[in-house]
Amino acid sequence: MIKICDYRGHIRNWRELCRELCIDDTLSREEREKAIIVGAYEKWDKSMADHIYGMFAFALYNTENDRYFCLRDQFGTKPFYYYITADNRLLCGTYIRDIMKQEGFVKELNTDMLQIYMTLTYVAGEETFFKGLKKLMPGHWLEFEKGKLTLERYWTPEFHADESKSLDDWADEIHETLKTIFPEVKDQDEVAESFLSGGVDSSYVLAMSDAKRADSCGYDEERFDESRVAAKTAELLNVEHSIAKIQPKDFFDIVPFVMYNMEQPLGDASAIVFTLGCKATAEHTKLCYSGEGADEFFGGYNMYRNAERYGDNLKTFYVGNTNIMKEEEKQRILKHYDPNVLPIKLVSHIYEETEGLDPLTKMSDVDIQIWLEGDIYLNVDKMSTACGLEIRMPLTDRRIFDIASRMPSKYKVNEETNKVAFRTAAAKVLPEEIAFRKKLGFIVPIRIWLADERYNADVRAKFRSDMAAQFFDLDEINAIFDEYVCGNSDNWRKVWTIYTFLVWYEEYFVKR
């Protein structure tokens, strides 16, 4: 008998799978999705993920042969962790806290991860901040039988440029594919809202969806506030619009809640704003669309426009979207530094896989495999769930990636703009000034707030604490903080990354 030990996700092509697997399609969503997972495993075994579209991570247990089978979707939209006990038992699941409660788990800090974190600001690769606890990586399955662990990768991003199509051809394919996907993202009896920034991704998702209400975050600081632009988009698309005004006190007060529910530290300041946005949105809906995935698939980041000038040098330094601290600086700051623990080693296999491809494709692939899983999807999943909100991401889909994987880089980035073909597709339902609006990113006034004595007292206290002294040279980190307060605003990321680690450490190793 096959039992589901843990499952989290949303299956998009459930109607087709119910027919193929002879499952009653009138079951509740929870019942039918569990039936699909079990039925797909019985029919297709380890290749089952090839037949499923959506977001998923799960653990199955076969009572007849005492075998566990665990699988995570191709992009890692849902987290999954595993731990082998001293007496060789498997502990696994989608929440670290659930694993920690089980007999045999020994809580120890993995100090090597701090060294990686100080560069990337997130937990990348299969290791975690808990010694012995590992992530099942995207596109992998795990089998555990008779004390033997087997790991295998079932899906790898591949890129094969098709030069036969025009820009309009690619835009048409994106748009028509999204038309196919959107009816699958939500059942007819569900009501969803949609997150909306000033950018093209969320605007396109809103325009293609049936959402009647859009939700944005805003600030009193006008130069950081995109909610005004979002309001114009909402008005154009004739939907209601809610704005959650983010105040600095609320931002800092919620940091412990975020780090606890994230389960591992995350130095992405936008995660705090996202959490506040989720809390506000959850007051009037339990389901929301969001636009993650398009930037990495279709060349959305401004730095991608420098790809050609980097050339073959990429594999010596590019470790993903963030790289805030060099090895020399970490060596000065950290009490325990290992010269063999280098972020670049986490991506060396990706550069081997993309050997011979153009620089933009290499950068995108690093971000698809490392950054999306470690930062973006983790944040979306953990914080929406903690706030009682479910988020579905229509642009994160194998069918969308398939288009991007065949698209030549010249249709992703050119001298004038990024995400060229994607924006051209979006212009079919949006005015050009929205579809081709310059990318700003999810900006936060943290570089201003963090220097304000009204809000940074806890930051200052933690930088001077005995807790911090276990890991950092206090003189060095306080020099970084003082330099930031005195005007070097570029230091804010370093300050914030150190601070978020200390808040997380306090939550998991001091308070509990």
Protein backbone atom coordinates (compact mmCIF):
# COMPACT_ATOMS: atom_id res chain seq x y z
CA MET A 1 0.00 0.00 0.00
CA ILE A 2 1.26 3.48 -0.88
CA LYS A 3 0.82 6.14 1.79
CA ILE A 4 1.39 9.88 1.45
CA CYS A 5 3.59 11.05 4.32
CA ASP A 6 3.75 14.66 3.17
CA TYR A 7 2.52 16.60 0.16
CA ARG A 8 2.33 20.27 -0.69
CA GLY A 9 1.52 21.76 -4.05
CA HIS A 10 -1.01 22.43 -6.77
CA ILE A 11 -1.48 20.20 -9.82
CA ARG A 12 -2.55 22.13 -12.92
CA ASN A 13 -3.42 19.37 -15.38
CA TRP A 14 -5.54 17.44 -12.85
CA ARG A 15 -8.48 16.98 -15.21
CA GLU A 16 -6.35 15.16 -17.77
CA LEU A 17 -4.63 13.12 -15.05
CA CYS A 18 -7.93 12.15 -13.43
CA ARG A 19 -9.10 10.74 -16.78
CA GLU A 20 -5.85 8.90 -17.44
CA LEU A 21 -5.55 7.50 -13.92
CA CYS A 22 -9.29 6.74 -13.52
CA ILE A 23 -9.69 9.09 -10.54
CA ASP A 24 -13.04 10.63 -9.58
CA ASP A 25 -12.75 14.27 -10.64
CA THR A 26 -15.53 15.31 -8.23
CA LEU A 27 -13.28 14.73 -5.23
CA SER A 28 -12.14 17.71 -3.21
CA ARG A 29 -8.90 19.27 -4.41
CA GLU A 30 -6.94 17.78 -1.50
CA GLU A 31 -8.30 14.28 -2.04
CA ARG A 32 -7.89 14.26 -5.83
CA GLU A 33 -4.33 15.62 -5.76
CA LYS A 34 -3.25 12.98 -3.26
CA ALA A 35 -4.96 10.35 -5.41
CA ILE A 36 -3.13 11.69 -8.47
CA ILE A 37 0.25 11.55 -6.70
CA VAL A 38 -0.29 7.93 -5.65
CA GLY A 39 -1.81 6.92 -9.00
CA ALA A 40 0.97 8.58 -11.00
CA TYR A 41 3.61 6.79 -8.92
CA GLU A 42 1.91 3.43 -9.42
CA LYS A 43 1.61 4.00 -13.18
CA TRP A 44 4.82 5.83 -14.09
CA ASP A 45 7.09 5.15 -11.09
CA LYS A 46 10.12 7.46 -10.98
CA SER A 47 9.22 9.21 -14.24
CA MET A 48 5.90 10.44 -12.82
CA ALA A 49 6.96 14.11 -12.71
CA ASP A 50 7.20 14.11 -16.52
CA HIS A 51 3.40 13.85 -16.61
CA ILE A 52 2.52 16.55 -14.06
CA TYR A 53 2.31 20.31 -14.52
CA GLY A 54 2.30 22.46 -11.42
CA MET A 55 4.07 22.90 -8.10
CA PHE A 56 4.75 19.92 -5.87
CA ALA A 57 6.95 18.22 -3.31
CA PHE A 58 5.99 15.01 -1.55
CA ALA A 59 7.03 11.88 0.32
CA LEU A 60 5.44 8.46 -0.35
CA TYR A 61 5.85 5.35 1.77
CA ASN A 62 5.29 1.80 0.50
CA THR A 63 4.18 -0.29 3.48
CA GLU A 64 4.85 -3.57 1.66
CA ASN A 65 8.59 -3.09 1.09
CA ASP A 66 9.36 -0.34 3.64
CA ARG A 67 10.43 2.03 0.86
CA TYR A 68 10.25 5.83 0.81
CA PHE A 69 10.01 7.77 -2.43
CA CYS A 70 10.32 11.56 -2.32
CA LEU A 71 10.23 14.01 -5.21
CA ARG A 72 10.49 17.75 -5.78
CA ASP A 73 9.25 19.58 -8.88
CA GLN A 74 11.54 20.72 -11.68
CA PHE A 75 12.02 24.29 -10.42
CA GLY A 76 11.81 23.75 -6.66
CA THR A 77 8.70 25.85 -6.08
CA LYS A 78 7.96 23.85 -2.92
CA PRO A 79 10.72 23.01 -0.42
CA PHE A 80 11.68 19.51 0.68
CA TYR A 81 14.26 18.39 3.26
CA TYR A 82 15.71 15.11 4.49
CA TYR A 83 17.92 13.89 7.34
CA ILE A 84 19.53 10.53 8.08
CA THR A 85 19.65 9.74 11.80
CA ALA A 86 22.54 8.13 13.65
CA ASP A 87 20.68 4.82 13.59
CA ASN A 88 20.17 5.15 9.82
CA ARG A 89 16.52 6.20 9.61
CA LEU A 90 15.11 8.74 7.16
CA LEU A 91 13.40 11.87 8.43
CA CYS A 92 11.90 14.01 5.70
CA GLY A 93 9.26 16.56 4.83
CA THR A 94 8.41 20.00 3.52
CA TYR A 95 8.99 21.75 6.86
CA ILE A 96 12.28 21.78 8.75
CA ARG A 97 10.46 22.32 12.06
CA ASP A 98 8.50 19.10 11.58
CA ILE A 99 11.71 17.16 11.00
CA MET A 100 13.34 18.75 14.05
CA LYS A 101 10.55 17.40 16.27
CA GLN A 102 11.18 13.80 15.26
CA GLU A 103 13.20 11.35 17.29
CA GLY A 104 16.79 11.13 16.15
CA PHE A 105 17.22 14.69 14.90
CA VAL A 106 20.22 16.42 16.42
CA LYS A 107 20.21 20.19 16.12
CA GLU A 108 23.65 21.51 15.21
CA LEU A 109 24.65 24.63 13.31
CA ASN A 110 26.36 24.15 9.97
CA THR A 111 28.89 27.00 10.21
CA ASP A 112 30.10 26.46 6.64
CA MET A 113 26.74 27.73 5.39
CA LEU A 114 27.32 31.08 7.06
CA GLN A 115 30.32 31.56 4.83
CA ILE A 116 28.17 30.93 1.73
CA TYR A 117 25.37 33.08 3.10
CA MET A 118 27.63 36.09 3.54
CA THR A 119 28.11 36.17 -0.22
CA LEU A 120 24.74 35.05 -1.57
CA THR A 121 22.34 36.28 1.17
CA TYR A 122 20.38 33.02 0.87
CA VAL A 123 20.92 29.29 1.41
CA ALA A 124 22.08 27.84 -1.91
CA GLY A 125 22.68 24.24 -2.88
CA GLU A 126 21.72 21.10 -1.01
CA GLU A 127 23.30 21.96 2.36
CA THR A 128 21.33 23.87 5.02
CA PHE A 129 22.17 25.77 8.19
CA PHE A 130 21.40 22.59 10.15
CA LYS A 131 24.21 20.06 10.06
CA GLY A 132 23.12 16.85 8.37
CA LEU A 133 19.84 18.28 7.12
CA LYS A 134 19.80 18.55 3.33
CA LYS A 135 17.52 19.93 0.67
CA LEU A 136 16.20 17.64 -2.00
CA MET A 137 17.16 19.79 -4.95
CA PRO A 138 14.78 20.76 -7.77
CA GLY A 139 14.32 18.10 -10.44
CA HIS A 140 15.47 15.32 -8.11
CA TRP A 141 13.92 12.30 -6.50
CA LEU A 142 15.02 10.35 -3.44
CA GLU A 143 14.50 6.70 -2.55
CA PHE A 144 15.23 5.15 0.83
CA GLU A 145 14.97 1.39 1.30
CA LYS A 146 16.60 -0.93 3.83
CA GLY A 147 18.85 1.83 5.08
CA LYS A 148 20.11 2.74 1.61
CA LEU A 149 19.65 6.26 0.24
CA THR A 150 19.47 6.80 -3.52
CA LEU A 151 19.36 10.27 -5.08
CA GLU A 152 18.82 10.92 -8.76
CA ARG A 153 18.26 13.94 -10.94
CA TYR A 154 15.32 13.41 -13.28
CA TRP A 155 15.25 16.84 -14.96
CA THR A 156 17.95 19.25 -16.08
CA PRO A 157 17.36 22.61 -17.81
CA GLU A 158 18.52 22.32 -21.43
CA PHE A 159 18.88 25.08 -24.00
CA HIS A 160 18.78 24.66 -27.77
CA ALA A 161 18.38 27.92 -29.68
CA ASP A 162 15.97 27.87 -32.63
CA GLU A 163 17.02 30.58 -35.08
CA SER A 164 14.15 29.95 -37.49
CA LYS A 165 11.55 32.08 -35.69
CA SER A 166 11.01 35.83 -35.64
CA LEU A 167 10.40 38.03 -32.60
CA ASP A 168 6.68 38.05 -33.34
CA ASP A 169 6.66 34.26 -33.61
CA TRP A 170 8.16 33.95 -30.13
CA ALA A 171 5.76 36.52 -28.69
CA ASP A 172 2.83 34.64 -30.22
CA GLU A 173 4.00 31.36 -28.74
CA ILE A 174 4.36 32.86 -25.26
CA HIS A 175 0.93 34.42 -25.43
CA GLU A 176 -0.86 31.35 -26.78
CA THR A 177 0.83 29.11 -24.22
CA LEU A 178 -0.28 31.39 -21.39
CA LYS A 179 -3.81 31.21 -22.74
CA THR A 180 -3.58 27.42 -22.33
CA ILE A 181 -2.09 27.59 -18.83
CA PHE A 182 -4.36 30.14 -17.17
CA PRO A 183 -7.54 28.02 -17.10
CA GLU A 184 -5.53 25.34 -15.27
CA VAL A 185 -4.14 27.65 -12.59
CA LYS A 186 -7.46 27.99 -10.76
CA ASP A 187 -10.66 25.99 -10.47
CA GLN A 188 -13.90 27.65 -11.52
CA ASP A 189 -15.24 27.78 -7.97
CA GLU A 190 -12.09 29.47 -6.63
CA VAL A 191 -11.70 33.25 -6.42
CA ALA A 192 -8.22 34.70 -6.78
CA GLU A 193 -6.68 38.14 -6.54
CA SER A 194 -3.35 39.11 -8.10
CA PHE A 195 -0.23 40.79 -6.77
CA LEU A 196 0.65 43.86 -8.80
CA SER A 197 3.84 45.92 -8.91
CA GLY A 198 4.80 48.46 -11.53
CA GLY A 199 6.51 45.82 -13.66
CA VAL A 200 5.46 43.89 -16.74
CA ASP A 201 5.36 40.40 -15.17
CA SER A 202 2.64 41.06 -12.60
CA SER A 203 0.79 43.36 -15.02
CA TYR A 204 0.73 40.63 -17.70
CA VAL A 205 -0.45 38.02 -15.19
CA LEU A 206 -3.25 40.32 -14.04
CA ALA A 207 -4.29 41.11 -17.61
CA MET A 208 -4.44 37.41 -18.52
CA SER A 209 -6.24 36.33 -15.35
CA ASP A 210 -9.82 36.55 -14.13
CA ALA A 211 -8.81 38.42 -10.98
CA LYS A 212 -11.11 41.31 -10.07
CA ARG A 213 -8.79 42.77 -7.48
CA ALA A 214 -5.07 43.56 -7.44
CA ASP A 215 -2.84 43.99 -4.38
CA SER A 216 0.26 46.17 -4.13
CA CYS A 217 2.73 47.43 -1.54
CA GLY A 218 3.63 51.09 -1.27
CA TYR A 219 5.80 53.48 0.75
CA ASP A 220 5.64 57.07 1.91
CA GLU A 221 9.03 57.54 0.21
CA GLU A 222 7.95 58.47 -3.32
CA ARG A 223 11.11 57.42 -5.16
CA PHE A 224 10.67 53.84 -3.94
CA ASP A 225 6.91 53.69 -4.39
CA GLU A 226 5.64 51.79 -7.42
CA SER A 227 2.07 51.60 -6.17
CA ARG A 228 1.09 54.71 -8.14
CA VAL A 229 2.09 53.02 -11.39
CA ALA A 230 0.33 49.83 -10.27
CA ALA A 231 -2.81 51.85 -9.56
CA LYS A 232 -2.83 53.12 -13.16
CA THR A 233 -2.50 49.57 -14.45
CA ALA A 234 -5.35 48.37 -12.24
CA GLU A 235 -7.54 51.23 -13.43
CA LEU A 236 -6.74 50.45 -17.06
CA LEU A 237 -7.68 46.79 -16.54
CA ASN A 238 -10.81 47.75 -14.62
CA VAL A 239 -9.99 45.90 -11.40
CA GLU A 240 -10.14 46.98 -7.77
CA HIS A 241 -6.82 47.93 -6.23
CA SER A 242 -5.55 47.62 -2.65
CA ILE A 243 -2.32 49.19 -1.43
CA ALA A 244 -0.60 48.03 1.75
CA LYS A 245 1.46 51.00 2.94
CA ILE A 246 4.67 49.63 4.44
CA GLN A 247 5.90 51.57 7.46
CA PRO A 248 9.46 51.15 8.76
CA LYS A 249 8.37 50.17 12.27
CA ASP A 250 6.17 47.38 10.90
CA PHE A 251 9.04 46.30 8.66
CA PHE A 252 11.50 45.85 11.52
CA ASP A 253 8.95 44.45 13.98
CA ILE A 254 8.09 41.52 11.72
CA VAL A 255 11.67 40.39 11.02
CA PRO A 256 11.70 37.67 13.75
CA PHE A 257 8.38 36.29 12.44
CA VAL A 258 9.85 36.12 8.94
CA MET A 259 13.11 34.44 9.95
CA TYR A 260 11.30 31.89 12.10
CA ASN A 261 8.80 30.94 9.41
CA MET A 262 11.44 31.00 6.66
CA GLU A 263 13.20 28.29 8.71
CA GLN A 264 16.55 29.43 7.33
CA PRO A 265 17.92 32.98 7.18
CA LEU A 266 17.22 35.05 4.10
CA GLY A 267 18.96 38.38 3.53
CA ASP A 268 16.56 39.56 0.83
CA ALA A 269 14.91 42.69 2.27
CA SER A 270 12.01 42.37 -0.15
CA ALA A 271 10.97 39.22 1.74
CA ILE A 272 9.93 41.38 4.68
CA VAL A 273 7.79 43.62 2.47
CA PHE A 274 6.37 40.55 0.74
CA THR A 275 5.32 39.16 4.13
CA LEU A 276 3.54 42.37 5.07
CA GLY A 277 1.87 42.34 1.67
CA CYS A 278 0.74 38.74 2.19
CA LYS A 279 -0.68 39.58 5.61
CA ALA A 280 -2.68 42.47 4.20
CA THR A 281 -3.91 40.45 1.21
CA ALA A 282 -4.91 37.47 3.36
CA GLU A 283 -7.44 39.70 5.11
CA HIS A 284 -9.70 39.55 2.05
CA THR A 285 -8.64 36.47 0.03
CA LYS A 286 -6.94 33.12 0.48
CA LEU A 287 -5.67 32.77 -3.10
CA CYS A 288 -3.46 35.09 -5.12
CA TYR A 289 -1.52 35.06 -8.40
CA SER A 290 2.09 36.20 -8.60
CA GLY A 291 4.50 36.65 -11.51
CA GLU A 292 7.73 34.86 -10.53
CA GLY A 293 9.86 33.04 -13.12
CA ALA A 294 9.80 35.29 -16.18
CA ASP A 295 12.92 37.28 -15.28
CA GLU A 296 15.11 34.19 -15.07
CA PHE A 297 13.54 32.44 -18.07
CA PHE A 298 13.41 35.39 -20.46
CA GLY A 299 16.38 37.58 -19.48
CA GLY A 300 14.69 40.09 -17.19
CA TYR A 301 17.52 41.37 -15.02
CA ASN A 302 19.42 44.47 -16.08
CA MET A 303 22.76 42.80 -15.35
CA TYR A 304 22.02 40.25 -18.08
CA ARG A 305 22.68 43.02 -20.60
CA ASN A 306 26.36 42.80 -19.61
CA ALA A 307 26.53 39.08 -20.28
CA GLU A 308 28.54 39.29 -23.50
CA ARG A 309 31.28 41.41 -21.99
CA TYR A 310 31.77 38.84 -19.20
CA GLY A 311 32.35 36.01 -21.69
CA ASP A 312 34.21 32.98 -20.35
CA ASN A 313 35.07 34.87 -17.16
CA LEU A 314 31.57 34.15 -15.88
CA LYS A 315 32.53 30.76 -14.47
CA THR A 316 35.17 32.41 -12.27
CA PHE A 317 32.80 34.78 -10.44
CA TYR A 318 29.11 34.61 -11.37
CA VAL A 319 27.30 32.71 -8.64
CA GLY A 320 23.86 34.18 -9.21
CA ASN A 321 21.80 37.28 -8.70
CA THR A 322 23.58 38.41 -5.53
CA ASN A 323 27.27 38.54 -4.68
CA ILE A 324 27.72 41.02 -1.87
CA MET A 325 30.91 40.02 -0.12
CA LYS A 326 34.30 38.90 -1.43
CA GLU A 327 36.37 36.16 0.16
CA GLU A 328 38.98 38.59 1.55
CA GLU A 329 36.31 40.50 3.44
CA LYS A 330 34.68 37.36 4.81
CA GLN A 331 38.06 36.16 5.99
CA ARG A 332 38.42 39.34 8.05
CA ILE A 333 34.90 39.23 9.42
CA LEU A 334 34.28 35.57 10.23
CA LYS A 335 35.71 33.85 13.29
CA HIS A 336 35.76 30.56 11.40
CA TYR A 337 36.77 30.75 7.75
CA ASP A 338 37.50 27.77 5.52
CA PRO A 339 39.23 28.66 2.22
CA ASN A 340 37.74 25.53 0.64
CA VAL A 341 34.14 26.66 1.18
CA LEU A 342 33.53 28.82 -1.89
CA PRO A 343 30.22 29.86 -3.47
CA ILE A 344 31.62 29.36 -6.97
CA LYS A 345 31.85 25.61 -6.27
CA LEU A 346 28.06 25.47 -5.97
CA VAL A 347 27.65 26.41 -9.63
CA SER A 348 30.63 24.68 -11.25
CA HIS A 349 28.41 21.81 -12.43
CA ILE A 350 26.07 24.31 -14.11
CA TYR A 351 28.92 25.80 -16.10
CA GLU A 352 29.91 22.29 -17.15
CA GLU A 353 26.34 21.68 -18.35
CA THR A 354 26.27 24.94 -20.32
CA GLU A 355 29.73 24.69 -21.86
CA GLY A 356 29.63 26.16 -25.35
CA LEU A 357 26.46 28.18 -24.80
CA ASP A 358 26.30 31.97 -24.84
CA PRO A 359 26.98 33.99 -21.64
CA LEU A 360 23.37 35.10 -21.14
CA THR A 361 22.16 31.51 -21.19
CA LYS A 362 24.82 30.58 -18.63
CA MET A 363 23.78 33.41 -16.30
CA SER A 364 20.11 32.54 -16.64
CA ASP A 365 20.74 28.88 -15.93
CA VAL A 366 22.66 29.67 -12.75
CA ASP A 367 19.77 31.79 -11.54
CA ILE A 368 17.15 29.21 -12.54
CA GLN A 369 18.94 26.44 -10.65
CA ILE A 370 20.31 28.36 -7.65
CA TRP A 371 18.68 31.75 -7.06
CA LEU A 372 15.05 30.87 -7.83
CA GLU A 373 15.06 27.86 -5.53
CA GLY A 374 17.13 29.39 -2.73
CA ASP A 375 15.54 32.83 -2.57
CA ILE A 376 12.49 33.60 -4.70
CA TYR A 377 10.45 30.41 -4.44
CA LEU A 378 11.41 29.82 -0.80
CA ASN A 379 10.20 33.29 0.12
CA VAL A 380 6.95 32.97 -1.83
CA ASP A 381 6.11 29.59 -0.36
CA LYS A 382 7.16 30.09 3.26
CA MET A 383 5.79 33.56 3.85
CA SER A 384 2.50 33.20 2.00
CA THR A 385 1.82 29.99 3.93
CA ALA A 386 2.75 31.62 7.24
CA CYS A 387 0.26 34.40 6.49
CA GLY A 388 -2.57 32.06 5.49
CA LEU A 389 -2.37 32.82 1.78
CA GLU A 390 -1.89 30.46 -1.16
CA ILE A 391 0.07 31.77 -4.13
CA ARG A 392 0.10 30.34 -7.64
CA MET A 393 2.65 31.41 -10.21
CA PRO A 394 1.36 31.01 -13.78
CA LEU A 395 4.68 32.01 -15.37
CA THR A 396 6.55 29.24 -13.58
CA ASP A 397 5.62 26.33 -15.79
CA ARG A 398 7.60 23.80 -17.84
CA ARG A 399 5.68 24.86 -20.94
CA ILE A 400 6.82 28.46 -20.46
CA PHE A 401 10.39 27.36 -19.77
CA ASP A 402 10.30 25.21 -22.90
CA ILE A 403 9.76 28.37 -24.96
CA ALA A 404 12.57 30.19 -23.17
CA SER A 405 14.91 27.22 -23.60
CA ARG A 406 14.52 27.40 -27.40
CA MET A 407 14.58 31.18 -27.71
CA PRO A 408 17.82 32.80 -28.94
CA SER A 409 19.30 35.29 -26.49
CA LYS A 410 18.85 38.18 -28.94
CA TYR A 411 15.10 37.95 -28.30
CA LYS A 412 15.64 38.08 -24.55
CA VAL A 413 18.05 41.00 -24.20
CA ASN A 414 19.22 43.72 -26.56
CA GLU A 415 20.95 47.08 -26.17
CA GLU A 416 17.70 48.92 -25.44
CA THR A 417 15.79 46.58 -23.17
CA ASN A 418 15.51 43.19 -21.51
CA LYS A 419 12.84 40.50 -21.79
CA VAL A 420 12.21 41.63 -25.37
CA ALA A 421 9.97 38.79 -26.61
CA PHE A 422 8.13 38.52 -23.32
CA ARG A 423 7.36 42.25 -23.33
CA THR A 424 6.23 41.97 -26.95
CA ALA A 425 3.81 39.22 -25.89
CA ALA A 426 2.57 41.31 -22.95
CA ALA A 427 1.92 44.23 -25.31
CA LYS A 428 -0.90 42.18 -26.82
CA VAL A 429 -2.97 42.92 -23.71
CA LEU A 430 -1.16 45.91 -22.17
CA PRO A 431 -0.26 49.39 -23.40
CA GLU A 432 3.35 49.62 -24.58
CA GLU A 433 4.26 52.05 -21.79
CA ILE A 434 3.48 49.29 -19.28
CA ALA A 435 4.75 46.33 -21.30
CA PHE A 436 8.08 48.06 -22.00
CA ARG A 437 8.46 49.96 -18.75
CA LYS A 438 12.02 49.84 -17.42
CA LYS A 439 12.59 47.16 -14.80
CA LEU A 440 13.10 48.53 -11.30
CA GLY A 441 12.93 45.37 -9.24
CA PHE A 442 11.10 44.95 -5.95
CA ILE A 443 12.72 47.97 -4.32
CA VAL A 444 12.58 48.67 -0.57
CA PRO A 445 13.60 51.85 1.29
CA ILE A 446 15.73 49.71 3.61
CA ARG A 447 18.92 51.61 2.73
CA ILE A 448 17.26 54.67 4.32
CA TRP A 449 15.45 52.99 7.21
CA LEU A 450 18.42 50.93 8.37
CA ALA A 451 20.42 54.08 9.13
CA ASP A 452 17.60 55.65 11.16
CA GLU A 453 18.14 55.46 14.92
CA ARG A 454 14.40 55.18 15.45
CA TYR A 455 14.44 51.71 13.87
CA ASN A 456 17.93 50.22 14.03
CA ALA A 457 18.36 49.78 17.79
CA ASP A 458 18.03 46.00 17.57
CA VAL A 459 20.50 45.89 14.69
CA ARG A 460 23.04 47.83 16.73
CA ALA A 461 22.44 45.67 19.81
CA LYS A 462 22.89 42.43 17.94
CA PHE A 463 26.06 43.69 16.26
CA ARG A 464 27.54 44.25 19.74
CA SER A 465 26.21 41.05 21.33
CA ASP A 466 27.97 38.00 22.71
CA MET A 467 25.85 36.02 20.25
CA ALA A 468 27.44 37.87 17.32
CA ALA A 469 30.89 37.43 18.86
CA GLN A 470 30.56 33.67 18.40
CA PHE A 471 30.68 34.13 14.63
CA PHE A 472 32.05 37.56 13.77
CA ASP A 473 34.86 39.92 14.61
CA LEU A 474 32.78 42.60 16.33
CA ASP A 475 35.14 45.43 15.42
CA GLU A 476 34.91 44.48 11.75
CA ILE A 477 31.13 44.20 11.51
CA ASN A 478 30.56 47.36 13.53
CA ALA A 479 32.99 49.20 11.27
CA ILE A 480 30.81 48.12 8.30
CA PHE A 481 27.71 49.33 10.14
CA ASP A 482 29.29 52.66 11.14
CA GLU A 483 30.54 53.25 7.61
CA TYR A 484 27.03 52.61 6.34
CA VAL A 485 25.41 55.01 8.83
CA CYS A 486 27.99 57.66 7.95
CA GLY A 487 26.99 57.62 4.31
CA ASN A 488 28.21 54.50 2.49
CA SER A 489 24.72 53.28 1.59
CA ASP A 490 26.16 50.39 -0.47
CA ASN A 491 26.97 48.67 2.83
CA TRP A 492 23.32 48.18 3.71
CA ARG A 493 23.20 44.71 2.14
CA LYS A 494 26.14 43.52 4.23
CA VAL A 495 24.57 44.91 7.39
CA TRP A 496 21.20 43.37 6.59
CA THR A 497 22.69 39.96 5.74
CA ILE A 498 24.57 39.80 9.04
CA TYR A 499 21.51 41.00 10.94
CA THR A 500 19.08 38.50 9.41
CA PHE A 501 21.42 35.64 10.25
CA LEU A 502 21.62 36.80 13.87
CA VAL A 503 17.83 37.15 14.14
CA TRP A 504 17.38 33.67 12.68
CA TYR A 505 20.06 32.18 14.96
CA GLU A 506 18.38 33.71 17.99
CA GLU A 507 15.03 32.23 16.94
CA TYR A 508 16.37 28.69 16.45
CA PHE A 509 19.36 28.34 18.77
CA VAL A 510 18.81 30.81 21.61
CA LYS A 511 15.07 31.12 22.23
CA ARG A 512 14.13 27.52 21.45
